């Protein structure tokens, strides 16, 4: 529609018409709008705006004064958002990364580890103290940071002074597990792999929809939901648990279980999804849990129930230990961010005692 002054209602202050938007079903921490000429406006919920500029096109802020210009094609990306690496793997775009802030030894993603080892992706130091000269030498035209960069704002400022746009992603702030996974569509946009991203996401979402339908058709008001504890024991003796409502406890609920520590009150007032609690509080909340799952991603795997008892002999009082319902995750559960749907499937299989021999990210301990 054209207004009286001759400007389309879909046009922004720059006079460029909006032609559509990226379809999102779960993610609420970003949005993307498409404009004439192939421009894309990406808005992230921390207040940041970016314009993806087509190759060979002139800069156009689309009427957004503070928008950061990101120029296609993106290559030699500096990737400091560790969780995004697996999404690059799924989009077959590891060759678009020039440097990163995680060592080969710290990645459990084999494809990424090999490329870092070979030098195809250059390790340039921790995100809080990168080697700027090496980043420049890789001809980097985009830095992708996690929100951890807010603890080192001077690094972001220095990278921007070098003329490199910095994109700060917020997938970890998604309340929905599938919202986290849907960020693959954002990376699909940046890498020109939109169709591949959509196909991948739709396939993964179908796995969860199948579980939801199964649970809905098997509703039994007399059947008690099994309670699940998810935790690890820290070196200082505290127990690290998920906060109620975080995405792991949400996955447990989606799989038909009940998070046993859902009544915990978060007194830390921070954005972390985990919290440390003392042993007494954990014992009170998890002693009668039907299933306990040890999170190995920080302190390493345990391989038997005895390994758990070695951490604290009081675990022998736990119902799940007595019943033999003890599991451990593998160490790459969180690095393989594209596997969120398979993690929920694992929770479903553990909670519903189905196909436990097919678990992808967990193993039952003896």
Foldseek 3Di string as FASTA:
>chain_A
DADPVGQDPQAAPQSWGWDAWDDDDAADQKTWTATPPGKIWIAGNVGAIEIEHEPPDDDDPSNDVRYHYAYPPQAQEEEAPLLCPLLCVLLVNPLRHAEYQDALVLDPPPVNSVCCVVNSYDHQHHLLDGDLVVSVVSVGQEYEHEPVCVVRVVSQVVNVVVVHYYHYDYLQLRLELLNSLLCSCVVCSNNVNNVSSVVLSVVLVVLLVVLQVVCVVPDDPPDDAAEEFEWAQDPVGWIKGFAASHHVQVLLVSLRHHHQCNVDDDPPPDDDRIDTDHPVVCCVRQQAGQAYEYEQQPPHWDAAVVSVCVSPVCNCSRNNVVVQRYKYFHNCPSSNSSCSSLVSVQSNCSRVVHPNVPRDTMHRHD
